[in-house]
PDB file of N, CA and C in Angstrom:
ATOM      1  N   MET A   1     -18.305  11.363   9.814  1.00  0.00           N
ATOM      2  CA  MET A   1     -17.321  11.748   9.355  1.00  0.00           C
ATOM      3  C   MET A   1     -16.666  10.986   8.701  1.00  0.00           C
ATOM      4  N   VAL A   2     -16.760   9.398   9.354  1.00  0.00           N
ATOM      5  CA  VAL A   2     -15.715   8.449   8.761  1.00  0.00           C
ATOM      6  C   VAL A   2     -16.532   8.446   7.093  1.00  0.00           C
ATOM      7  N   GLY A   3     -17.837   7.950   7.151  1.00  0.00           N
ATOM      8  CA  GLY A   3     -18.482   7.989   6.251  1.00  0.00           C
ATOM      9  C   GLY A   3     -18.032   8.892   4.746  1.00  0.00           C
ATOM     10  N   ILE A   4     -18.082  10.526   5.256  1.00  0.00           N
ATOM     11  CA  ILE A   4     -17.048  11.171   4.096  1.00  0.00           C
ATOM     12  C   ILE A   4     -15.900  11.366   4.025  1.00  0.00           C
ATOM     13  N   ALA A   5     -15.075  10.258   5.113  1.00  0.00           N
ATOM     14  CA  ALA A   5     -13.606  10.669   4.483  1.00  0.00           C
ATOM     15  C   ALA A   5     -13.782   9.275   3.527  1.00  0.00           C
ATOM     16  N   ARG A   6     -14.480   8.473   4.242  1.00  0.00           N
ATOM     17  CA  ARG A   6     -14.335   6.852   2.980  1.00  0.00           C
ATOM     18  C   ARG A   6     -14.865   7.169   0.808  1.00  0.00           C
ATOM     19  N   GLN A   7     -15.704   8.767   1.165  1.00  0.00           N
ATOM     20  CA  GLN A   7     -16.376   8.701  -0.113  1.00  0.00           C
ATOM     21  C   GLN A   7     -15.377   9.178  -1.305  1.00  0.00           C
ATOM     22  N   TYR A   8     -14.004   9.602  -0.385  1.00  0.00           N
ATOM     23  CA  TYR A   8     -12.746  10.140  -1.492  1.00  0.00           C
ATOM     24  C   TYR A   8     -11.386   8.830  -0.980  1.00  0.00           C
ATOM     25  N   ALA A   9     -11.655   7.646  -0.950  1.00  0.00           N
ATOM     26  CA  ALA A   9     -10.881   6.446  -0.825  1.00  0.00           C
ATOM     27  C   ALA A   9     -10.531   6.173  -1.953  1.00  0.00           C
ATOM     28  N   GLY A  10      -9.097   5.874  -2.369  1.00  0.00           N
ATOM     29  CA  GLY A  10      -9.240   6.237  -4.201  1.00  0.00           C
ATOM     30  C   GLY A  10      -8.992   7.494  -4.743  1.00  0.00           C
ATOM     31  N   SER A  11      -8.923   8.271  -3.830  1.00  0.00           N
ATOM     32  CA  SER A  11      -8.569  10.003  -4.427  1.00  0.00           C
ATOM     33  C   SER A  11      -7.083   9.951  -4.720  1.00  0.00           C
ATOM     34  N   ALA A  12      -6.631  10.573  -5.885  1.00  0.00           N
ATOM     35  CA  ALA A  12      -4.931  10.836  -5.791  1.00  0.00           C
ATOM     36  C   ALA A  12      -3.656  11.663  -5.078  1.00  0.00           C
ATOM     37  N   TYR A  13      -2.708  11.405  -4.481  1.00  0.00           N
ATOM     38  CA  TYR A  13      -2.019  11.883  -3.780  1.00  0.00           C
ATOM     39  C   TYR A  13      -1.751  12.800  -4.414  1.00  0.00           C
ATOM     40  N   ARG A  14      -1.504  14.845  -3.827  1.00  0.00           N
ATOM     41  CA  ARG A  14      -0.630  15.054  -4.330  1.00  0.00           C
ATOM     42  C   ARG A  14       0.256  16.478  -3.403  1.00  0.00           C
ATOM     43  N   TYR A  15       1.190  16.044  -3.558  1.00  0.00           N
ATOM     44  CA  TYR A  15       1.588  17.168  -2.235  1.00  0.00           C
ATOM     45  C   TYR A  15       0.904  18.151  -2.506  1.00  0.00           C
ATOM     46  N   GLY A  16       0.623  19.132  -1.437  1.00  0.00           N
ATOM     47  CA  GLY A  16       0.222  19.935  -1.428  1.00  0.00           C
ATOM     48  C   GLY A  16      -1.648  19.935  -1.816  1.00  0.00           C
ATOM     49  N   GLY A  17      -1.713  19.363  -1.993  1.00  0.00           N
ATOM     50  CA  GLY A  17      -3.300  18.779  -2.753  1.00  0.00           C
ATOM     51  C   GLY A  17      -4.530  18.909  -1.591  1.00  0.00           C
ATOM     52  N   ALA A  18      -5.598  19.663  -1.680  1.00  0.00           N
ATOM     53  CA  ALA A  18      -6.032  19.805  -0.450  1.00  0.00           C
ATOM     54  C   ALA A  18      -7.819  19.748  -1.035  1.00  0.00           C
ATOM     55  N   THR A  19      -7.961  18.765  -2.390  1.00  0.00           N
ATOM     56  CA  THR A  19      -9.523  19.062  -3.207  1.00  0.00           C
ATOM     57  C   THR A  19      -8.959  17.268  -3.392  1.00  0.00           C
ATOM     58  N   PRO A  20     -10.405  16.945  -3.728  1.00  0.00           N
ATOM     59  CA  PRO A  20     -10.559  15.423  -4.520  1.00  0.00           C
ATOM     60  C   PRO A  20      -9.670  15.755  -5.541  1.00  0.00           C
ATOM     61  N   ALA A  21      -9.097  16.222  -6.442  1.00  0.00           N
ATOM     62  CA  ALA A  21      -8.406  16.303  -7.499  1.00  0.00           C
ATOM     63  C   ALA A  21      -7.057  15.311  -6.942  1.00  0.00           C
ATOM     64  N   GLY A  22      -6.718  15.530  -5.773  1.00  0.00           N
ATOM     65  CA  GLY A  22      -5.355  14.925  -4.955  1.00  0.00           C
ATOM     66  C   GLY A  22      -5.422  16.132  -4.176  1.00  0.00           C
ATOM     67  N   PHE A  23      -5.176  15.092  -3.123  1.00  0.00           N
ATOM     68  CA  PHE A  23      -4.655  15.335  -1.238  1.00  0.00           C
ATOM     69  C   PHE A  23      -3.684  14.858  -0.939  1.00  0.00           C
ATOM     70  N   ASP A  24      -2.336  15.927  -0.379  1.00  0.00           N
ATOM     71  CA  ASP A  24      -1.649  14.812   0.387  1.00  0.00           C
ATOM     72  C   ASP A  24      -2.402  15.275   2.226  1.00  0.00           C
ATOM     73  N   CYS A  25      -1.638  14.208   2.839  1.00  0.00           N
ATOM     74  CA  CYS A  25      -2.361  13.958   4.241  1.00  0.00           C
ATOM     75  C   CYS A  25      -3.288  15.184   4.920  1.00  0.00           C
ATOM     76  N   SER A  26      -2.498  16.098   5.196  1.00  0.00           N
ATOM     77  CA  SER A  26      -3.316  17.324   5.995  1.00  0.00           C
ATOM     78  C   SER A  26      -4.002  17.572   5.058  1.00  0.00           C
ATOM     79  N   GLY A  27      -4.088  18.061   3.873  1.00  0.00           N
ATOM     80  CA  GLY A  27      -5.018  18.614   2.732  1.00  0.00           C
ATOM     81  C   GLY A  27      -6.048  17.220   3.079  1.00  0.00           C
ATOM     82  N   PHE A  28      -6.425  16.736   2.993  1.00  0.00           N
ATOM     83  CA  PHE A  28      -7.407  15.925   3.192  1.00  0.00           C
ATOM     84  C   PHE A  28      -8.168  15.801   4.633  1.00  0.00           C
ATOM     85  N   THR A  29      -7.489  16.038   5.519  1.00  0.00           N
ATOM     86  CA  THR A  29      -8.082  15.439   6.750  1.00  0.00           C
ATOM     87  C   THR A  29      -8.543  17.406   6.638  1.00  0.00           C
ATOM     88  N   SER A  30      -8.316  18.233   6.613  1.00  0.00           N
ATOM     89  CA  SER A  30      -9.127  19.589   6.600  1.00  0.00           C
ATOM     90  C   SER A  30     -10.383  19.654   5.372  1.00  0.00           C
ATOM     91  N   TYR A  31      -9.796  18.438   4.765  1.00  0.00           N
ATOM     92  CA  TYR A  31     -11.137  18.593   3.759  1.00  0.00           C
ATOM     93  C   TYR A  31     -12.459  18.296   4.130  1.00  0.00           C
ATOM     94  N   VAL A  32     -12.235  17.029   4.979  1.00  0.00           N
ATOM     95  CA  VAL A  32     -13.218  16.083   5.016  1.00  0.00           C
ATOM     96  C   VAL A  32     -13.629  16.806   6.127  1.00  0.00           C
ATOM     97  N   TYR A  33     -13.406  17.807   7.307  1.00  0.00           N
ATOM     98  CA  TYR A  33     -13.582  18.010   8.505  1.00  0.00           C
ATOM     99  C   TYR A  33     -14.363  19.548   8.202  1.00  0.00           C
ATOM    100  N   ALA A  34     -14.326  20.906   7.369  1.00  0.00           N
ATOM    101  CA  ALA A  34     -14.926  21.201   6.598  1.00  0.00           C
ATOM    102  C   ALA A  34     -16.147  21.046   6.290  1.00  0.00           C
ATOM    103  N   GLN A  35     -16.733  19.868   5.722  1.00  0.00           N
ATOM    104  CA  GLN A  35     -17.396  19.031   4.843  1.00  0.00           C
ATOM    105  C   GLN A  35     -18.584  19.382   6.667  1.00  0.00           C
ATOM    106  N   VAL A  36     -17.810  19.098   7.292  1.00  0.00           N
ATOM    107  CA  VAL A  36     -18.996  18.757   8.287  1.00  0.00           C
ATOM    108  C   VAL A  36     -18.953  20.565   9.267  1.00  0.00           C
ATOM    109  N   GLY A  37     -18.229  21.715   8.654  1.00  0.00           N
ATOM    110  CA  GLY A  37     -18.244  22.986   9.189  1.00  0.00           C
ATOM    111  C   GLY A  37     -17.100  23.102  10.507  1.00  0.00           C
ATOM    112  N   VAL A  38     -15.901  22.007  10.393  1.00  0.00           N
ATOM    113  CA  VAL A  38     -14.986  22.324  11.346  1.00  0.00           C
ATOM    114  C   VAL A  38     -13.515  22.628  10.741  1.00  0.00           C
ATOM    115  N   SER A  39     -13.143  23.689  10.845  1.00  0.00           N
ATOM    116  CA  SER A  39     -11.828  24.237  10.144  1.00  0.00           C
ATOM    117  C   SER A  39     -10.708  23.989  11.309  1.00  0.00           C
ATOM    118  N   LEU A  40      -9.630  22.937  10.206  1.00  0.00           N
ATOM    119  CA  LEU A  40      -8.359  22.770  10.530  1.00  0.00           C
ATOM    120  C   LEU A  40      -7.509  23.317   9.795  1.00  0.00           C
ATOM    121  N   PRO A  41      -6.213  23.655  10.892  1.00  0.00           N
ATOM    122  CA  PRO A  41      -5.498  24.452  10.554  1.00  0.00           C
ATOM    123  C   PRO A  41      -4.519  23.868   8.947  1.00  0.00           C
ATOM    124  N   ARG A  42      -4.027  24.210   7.751  1.00  0.00           N
ATOM    125  CA  ARG A  42      -3.387  23.528   6.877  1.00  0.00           C
ATOM    126  C   ARG A  42      -2.274  22.209   6.590  1.00  0.00           C
ATOM    127  N   SER A  43      -1.354  22.402   7.720  1.00  0.00           N
ATOM    128  CA  SER A  43      -0.567  21.326   7.944  1.00  0.00           C
ATOM    129  C   SER A  43      -0.315  20.677   9.172  1.00  0.00           C
ATOM    130  N   SER A  44      -0.215  19.521   8.842  1.00  0.00           N
ATOM    131  CA  SER A  44       0.337  18.590   9.911  1.00  0.00           C
ATOM    132  C   SER A  44       0.345  18.360  11.250  1.00  0.00           C
ATOM    133  N   ALA A  45       1.661  19.109  11.274  1.00  0.00           N
ATOM    134  CA  ALA A  45       2.201  19.857  12.358  1.00  0.00           C
ATOM    135  C   ALA A  45       0.892  20.420  13.179  1.00  0.00           C
ATOM    136  N   ALA A  46       0.755  21.776  12.290  1.00  0.00           N
ATOM    137  CA  ALA A  46      -0.779  22.285  13.290  1.00  0.00           C
ATOM    138  C   ALA A  46      -1.835  21.567  13.832  1.00  0.00           C
ATOM    139  N   GLN A  47      -2.192  20.474  13.127  1.00  0.00           N
ATOM    140  CA  GLN A  47      -3.296  19.636  13.344  1.00  0.00           C
ATOM    141  C   GLN A  47      -3.540  18.890  14.433  1.00  0.00           C
ATOM    142  N   ARG A  48      -2.238  18.800  15.231  1.00  0.00           N
ATOM    143  CA  ARG A  48      -1.600  18.171  16.291  1.00  0.00           C
ATOM    144  C   ARG A  48      -2.229  18.995  17.669  1.00  0.00           C
ATOM    145  N   GLY A  49      -2.598  20.231  17.172  1.00  0.00           N
ATOM    146  CA  GLY A  49      -2.760  20.934  18.238  1.00  0.00           C
ATOM    147  C   GLY A  49      -4.458  22.046  18.176  1.00  0.00           C
ATOM    148  N   ALA A  50      -4.958  20.282  16.987  1.00  0.00           N
ATOM    149  CA  ALA A  50      -6.114  21.543  16.785  1.00  0.00           C
ATOM    150  C   ALA A  50      -7.633  21.179  17.763  1.00  0.00           C
ATOM    151  N   GLY A  51      -6.899  20.128  18.554  1.00  0.00           N
ATOM    152  CA  GLY A  51      -8.171  19.216  19.628  1.00  0.00           C
ATOM    153  C   GLY A  51      -7.060  18.943  20.977  1.00  0.00           C
ATOM    154  N   VAL A  52      -7.532  18.361  21.363  1.00  0.00           N
ATOM    155  CA  VAL A  52      -7.464  17.202  22.940  1.00  0.00           C
ATOM    156  C   VAL A  52      -7.115  16.180  22.335  1.00  0.00           C
ATOM    157  N   VAL A  53      -5.757  15.938  23.218  1.00  0.00           N
ATOM    158  CA  VAL A  53      -5.279  14.016  22.876  1.00  0.00           C
ATOM    159  C   VAL A  53      -6.240  13.423  24.291  1.00  0.00           C
ATOM    160  N   VAL A  54      -6.399  12.330  23.339  1.00  0.00           N
ATOM    161  CA  VAL A  54      -7.118  11.403  24.082  1.00  0.00           C
ATOM    162  C   VAL A  54      -6.526  10.001  23.677  1.00  0.00           C
ATOM    163  N   PRO A  55      -6.997   9.094  25.213  1.00  0.00           N
ATOM    164  CA  PRO A  55      -6.036   8.047  25.104  1.00  0.00           C
ATOM    165  C   PRO A  55      -6.865   7.116  24.211  1.00  0.00           C
ATOM    166  N   ALA A  56      -6.066   6.190  23.608  1.00  0.00           N
ATOM    167  CA  ALA A  56      -5.855   5.031  22.654  1.00  0.00           C
ATOM    168  C   ALA A  56      -7.974   4.385  23.268  1.00  0.00           C
ATOM    169  N   SER A  57      -7.999   4.424  24.279  1.00  0.00           N
ATOM    170  CA  SER A  57      -8.812   3.239  24.918  1.00  0.00           C
ATOM    171  C   SER A  57     -10.578   4.471  24.614  1.00  0.00           C
ATOM    172  N   GLN A  58     -10.281   5.722  24.250  1.00  0.00           N
ATOM    173  CA  GLN A  58     -11.136   6.880  24.456  1.00  0.00           C
ATOM    174  C   GLN A  58     -11.291   6.667  23.009  1.00  0.00           C
ATOM    175  N   ALA A  59     -10.764   6.681  22.088  1.00  0.00           N
ATOM    176  CA  ALA A  59     -10.490   7.100  20.716  1.00  0.00           C
ATOM    177  C   ALA A  59     -12.353   7.010  20.080  1.00  0.00           C
ATOM    178  N   GLN A  60     -12.812   7.723  19.016  1.00  0.00           N
ATOM    179  CA  GLN A  60     -13.871   7.004  18.482  1.00  0.00           C
ATOM    180  C   GLN A  60     -13.595   7.830  16.578  1.00  0.00           C
ATOM    181  N   PRO A  61     -14.541   7.057  16.202  1.00  0.00           N
ATOM    182  CA  PRO A  61     -14.745   7.354  14.874  1.00  0.00           C
ATOM    183  C   PRO A  61     -14.385   8.537  14.756  1.00  0.00           C
ATOM    184  N   GLY A  62     -13.714   8.776  13.674  1.00  0.00           N
ATOM    185  CA  GLY A  62     -13.760  10.462  13.485  1.00  0.00           C
ATOM    186  C   GLY A  62     -12.624  11.380  14.088  1.00  0.00           C
ATOM    187  N   ASP A  63     -11.761  10.153  15.088  1.00  0.00           N
ATOM    188  CA  ASP A  63     -10.780  11.657  15.732  1.00  0.00           C
ATOM    189  C   ASP A  63      -9.806  11.525  14.430  1.00  0.00           C
ATOM    190  N   LEU A  64      -9.010  12.487  14.851  1.00  0.00           N
ATOM    191  CA  LEU A  64      -7.528  12.702  13.793  1.00  0.00           C
ATOM    192  C   LEU A  64      -6.779  11.654  14.868  1.00  0.00           C
ATOM    193  N   LEU A  65      -5.598  11.026  13.905  1.00  0.00           N
ATOM    194  CA  LEU A  65      -4.681   9.978  14.447  1.00  0.00           C
ATOM    195  C   LEU A  65      -3.562  10.851  13.862  1.00  0.00           C
ATOM    196  N   TRP A  66      -2.432  11.297  14.662  1.00  0.00           N
ATOM    197  CA  TRP A  66      -1.518  12.047  14.267  1.00  0.00           C
ATOM    198  C   TRP A  66      -0.124  11.431  14.854  1.00  0.00           C
ATOM    199  N   TRP A  67       0.512  11.496  13.849  1.00  0.00           N
ATOM    200  CA  TRP A  67       2.746  10.889  13.505  1.00  0.00           C
ATOM    201  C   TRP A  67       2.829  11.898  13.405  1.00  0.00           C
ATOM    202  N   PRO A  68       4.508  12.597  14.373  1.00  0.00           N
ATOM    203  CA  PRO A  68       4.841  13.207  13.138  1.00  0.00           C
ATOM    204  C   PRO A  68       5.065  13.792  11.678  1.00  0.00           C
ATOM    205  N   GLY A  69       4.360  14.161  11.194  1.00  0.00           N
ATOM    206  CA  GLY A  69       4.689  14.509   9.849  1.00  0.00           C
ATOM    207  C   GLY A  69       3.626  14.229   9.139  1.00  0.00           C
ATOM    208  N   HIS A  70       2.406  13.397   9.572  1.00  0.00           N
ATOM    209  CA  HIS A  70       1.529  12.473   9.016  1.00  0.00           C
ATOM    210  C   HIS A  70       0.420  12.615  10.024  1.00  0.00           C
ATOM    211  N   VAL A  71      -1.110  12.378   8.819  1.00  0.00           N
ATOM    212  CA  VAL A  71      -2.788  12.981  10.309  1.00  0.00           C
ATOM    213  C   VAL A  71      -3.004  12.033   9.001  1.00  0.00           C
ATOM    214  N   GLY A  72      -4.138  11.451   9.689  1.00  0.00           N
ATOM    215  CA  GLY A  72      -5.547  10.894   9.143  1.00  0.00           C
ATOM    216  C   GLY A  72      -6.719  10.679   9.751  1.00  0.00           C
ATOM    217  N   ILE A  73      -7.625   9.651  10.012  1.00  0.00           N
ATOM    218  CA  ILE A  73      -9.053  10.080  10.852  1.00  0.00           C
ATOM    219  C   ILE A  73      -8.921   8.508  11.142  1.00  0.00           C
ATOM    220  N   TYR A  74      -9.567   8.678  12.021  1.00  0.00           N
ATOM    221  CA  TYR A  74      -9.807   6.780  12.943  1.00  0.00           C
ATOM    222  C   TYR A  74     -11.158   6.694  12.202  1.00  0.00           C
ATOM    223  N   THR A  75     -11.496   5.483  12.152  1.00  0.00           N
ATOM    224  CA  THR A  75     -12.367   4.672  11.283  1.00  0.00           C
ATOM    225  C   THR A  75     -12.885   3.842  12.020  1.00  0.00           C
ATOM    226  N   GLY A  76     -12.370   3.213  13.258  1.00  0.00           N
ATOM    227  CA  GLY A  76     -12.534   2.516  14.469  1.00  0.00           C
ATOM    228  C   GLY A  76     -11.943   1.042  14.151  1.00  0.00           C
ATOM    229  N   ASN A  77     -12.117   0.401  14.952  1.00  0.00           N
ATOM    230  CA  ASN A  77     -11.845  -0.776  15.023  1.00  0.00           C
ATOM    231  C   ASN A  77     -10.144  -1.149  14.884  1.00  0.00           C
ATOM    232  N   GLY A  78      -8.688  -0.570  15.053  1.00  0.00           N
ATOM    233  CA  GLY A  78      -7.854  -0.508  14.391  1.00  0.00           C
ATOM    234  C   GLY A  78      -7.299  -0.148  12.716  1.00  0.00           C
ATOM    235  N   GLN A  79      -8.565   0.913  12.504  1.00  0.00           N
ATOM    236  CA  GLN A  79      -7.748   1.313  11.013  1.00  0.00           C
ATOM    237  C   GLN A  79      -8.243   2.709  10.946  1.00  0.00           C
ATOM    238  N   HIS A  80      -7.862   3.432   9.812  1.00  0.00           N
ATOM    239  CA  HIS A  80      -7.539   4.592   9.913  1.00  0.00           C
ATOM    240  C   HIS A  80      -7.915   5.185   8.352  1.00  0.00           C
ATOM    241  N   ILE A  81      -7.997   6.354   7.685  1.00  0.00           N
ATOM    242  CA  ILE A  81      -8.064   6.264   6.760  1.00  0.00           C
ATOM    243  C   ILE A  81      -7.399   7.499   6.161  1.00  0.00           C
ATOM    244  N   ALA A  82      -6.411   8.096   5.371  1.00  0.00           N
ATOM    245  CA  ALA A  82      -5.445   9.005   5.257  1.00  0.00           C
ATOM    246  C   ALA A  82      -4.825   9.146   3.466  1.00  0.00           C
ATOM    247  N   ALA A  83      -4.960  10.020   3.364  1.00  0.00           N
ATOM    248  CA  ALA A  83      -3.412  10.113   2.208  1.00  0.00           C
ATOM    249  C   ALA A  83      -2.215  10.328   2.480  1.00  0.00           C
ATOM    250  N   ARG A  84      -1.935   8.854   2.013  1.00  0.00           N
ATOM    251  CA  ARG A  84      -0.862   7.876   2.244  1.00  0.00           C
ATOM    252  C   ARG A  84       0.605   8.204   1.867  1.00  0.00           C
ATOM    253  N   ASN A  85       0.412   8.438   0.104  1.00  0.00           N
ATOM    254  CA  ASN A  85       1.823   8.844  -0.316  1.00  0.00           C
ATOM    255  C   ASN A  85       0.967   8.092  -2.137  1.00  0.00           C
ATOM    256  N   PRO A  86       2.125   8.956  -2.924  1.00  0.00           N
ATOM    257  CA  PRO A  86       1.730   8.650  -4.741  1.00  0.00           C
ATOM    258  C   PRO A  86       1.164   7.357  -4.898  1.00  0.00           C
ATOM    259  N   ARG A  87       1.447   6.443  -4.587  1.00  0.00           N
ATOM    260  CA  ARG A  87       1.437   4.985  -4.780  1.00  0.00           C
ATOM    261  C   ARG A  87       0.037   4.738  -4.245  1.00  0.00           C
ATOM    262  N   ALA A  88       0.021   5.287  -3.091  1.00  0.00           N
ATOM    263  CA  ALA A  88      -1.517   4.517  -2.228  1.00  0.00           C
ATOM    264  C   ALA A  88      -2.479   5.671  -2.788  1.00  0.00           C
ATOM    265  N   GLY A  89      -2.412   6.880  -3.030  1.00  0.00           N
ATOM    266  CA  GLY A  89      -3.124   7.703  -2.672  1.00  0.00           C
ATOM    267  C   GLY A  89      -3.641   7.879  -1.205  1.00  0.00           C
ATOM    268  N   VAL A  90      -5.166   8.001  -1.489  1.00  0.00           N
ATOM    269  CA  VAL A  90      -5.948   7.901  -0.078  1.00  0.00           C
ATOM    270  C   VAL A  90      -6.749   6.464  -0.033  1.00  0.00           C
ATOM    271  N   ALA A  91      -6.222   6.179   0.756  1.00  0.00           N
ATOM    272  CA  ALA A  91      -6.427   4.508   1.357  1.00  0.00           C
ATOM    273  C   ALA A  91      -7.043   4.262   3.201  1.00  0.00           C
ATOM    274  N   GLU A  92      -7.867   3.166   2.980  1.00  0.00           N
ATOM    275  CA  GLU A  92      -7.807   2.486   4.343  1.00  0.00           C
ATOM    276  C   GLU A  92      -6.961   1.835   5.091  1.00  0.00           C
ATOM    277  N   GLY A  93      -6.818   1.565   6.448  1.00  0.00           N
ATOM    278  CA  GLY A  93      -5.893   0.313   6.753  1.00  0.00           C
ATOM    279  C   GLY A  93      -5.308   0.463   7.999  1.00  0.00           C
ATOM    280  N   PRO A  94      -4.998  -0.652   8.673  1.00  0.00           N
ATOM    281  CA  PRO A  94      -4.639  -0.347   9.820  1.00  0.00           C
ATOM    282  C   PRO A  94      -3.292   0.725  10.604  1.00  0.00           C
ATOM    283  N   ILE A  95      -4.039   1.125  11.339  1.00  0.00           N
ATOM    284  CA  ILE A  95      -3.294   1.957  12.377  1.00  0.00           C
ATOM    285  C   ILE A  95      -1.849   1.200  12.834  1.00  0.00           C
ATOM    286  N   TYR A  96      -0.390   1.873  12.167  1.00  0.00           N
ATOM    287  CA  TYR A  96       1.038   1.533  12.805  1.00  0.00           C
ATOM    288  C   TYR A  96       1.287   2.755  14.326  1.00  0.00           C
ATOM    289  N   GLY A  97       1.943   1.817  14.650  1.00  0.00           N
ATOM    290  CA  GLY A  97       3.235   2.714  15.367  1.00  0.00           C
ATOM    291  C   GLY A  97       2.503   2.997  16.816  1.00  0.00           C
ATOM    292  N   ASN A  98       2.381   4.408  16.539  1.00  0.00           N
ATOM    293  CA  ASN A  98       1.979   4.632  18.101  1.00  0.00           C
ATOM    294  C   ASN A  98       1.236   6.355  17.856  1.00  0.00           C
ATOM    295  N   PRO A  99      -0.041   6.705  17.082  1.00  0.00           N
ATOM    296  CA  PRO A  99      -0.131   7.841  16.905  1.00  0.00           C
ATOM    297  C   PRO A  99      -0.431   8.390  18.479  1.00  0.00           C
ATOM    298  N   LEU A 100      -0.831   9.194  17.868  1.00  0.00           N
ATOM    299  CA  LEU A 100      -1.651  10.313  19.368  1.00  0.00           C
ATOM    300  C   LEU A 100      -3.156  10.405  18.493  1.00  0.00           C
ATOM    301  N   TYR A 101      -4.176  10.339  19.506  1.00  0.00           N
ATOM    302  CA  TYR A 101      -5.640   9.808  18.931  1.00  0.00           C
ATOM    303  C   TYR A 101      -5.521  11.947  19.220  1.00  0.00           C
ATOM    304  N   ILE A 102      -6.335  12.499  17.955  1.00  0.00           N
ATOM    305  CA  ILE A 102      -6.674  13.777  18.945  1.00  0.00           C
ATOM    306  C   ILE A 102      -8.841  14.329  18.578  1.00  0.00           C
ATOM    307  N   ARG A 103      -8.974  14.669  20.272  1.00  0.00           N
ATOM    308  CA  ARG A 103     -10.202  14.454  19.706  1.00  0.00           C
ATOM    309  C   ARG A 103     -10.400  16.420  19.051  1.00  0.00           C
ATOM    310  N   VAL A 104     -11.443  16.530  17.788  1.00  0.00           N
ATOM    311  CA  VAL A 104     -11.766  17.843  17.715  1.00  0.00           C
ATOM    312  C   VAL A 104     -13.261  18.066  17.399  1.00  0.00           C
ATOM    313  N   ARG A 105     -13.447  18.839  18.282  1.00  0.00           N
ATOM    314  CA  ARG A 105     -15.117  19.239  18.505  1.00  0.00           C
ATOM    315  C   ARG A 105     -14.982  20.291  18.403  1.00  0.00           C
TER     316      ARG A 105
END
């Protein structure tokens, strides 16, 4: 999952985008998960309910990270990858705040 997500690092951000031509946050996560045969809802709010919340101490690379209005993919070691904003696009970086870790399988 993480390897697939990292293939799209540097892709552009586009509101409502769900393809490598441009992603928003939930479009990115749903596109990456689809590559391994997992269908996610399209919005970040709906993706919140797509799996089971796990403690941060049990998080595994590939789990979703969810904040109100934003979602990304945990890559391990305190990092995540997400379609961030028009300036950054898809980028990997440190986890901020207190997201929920969601296991989807």
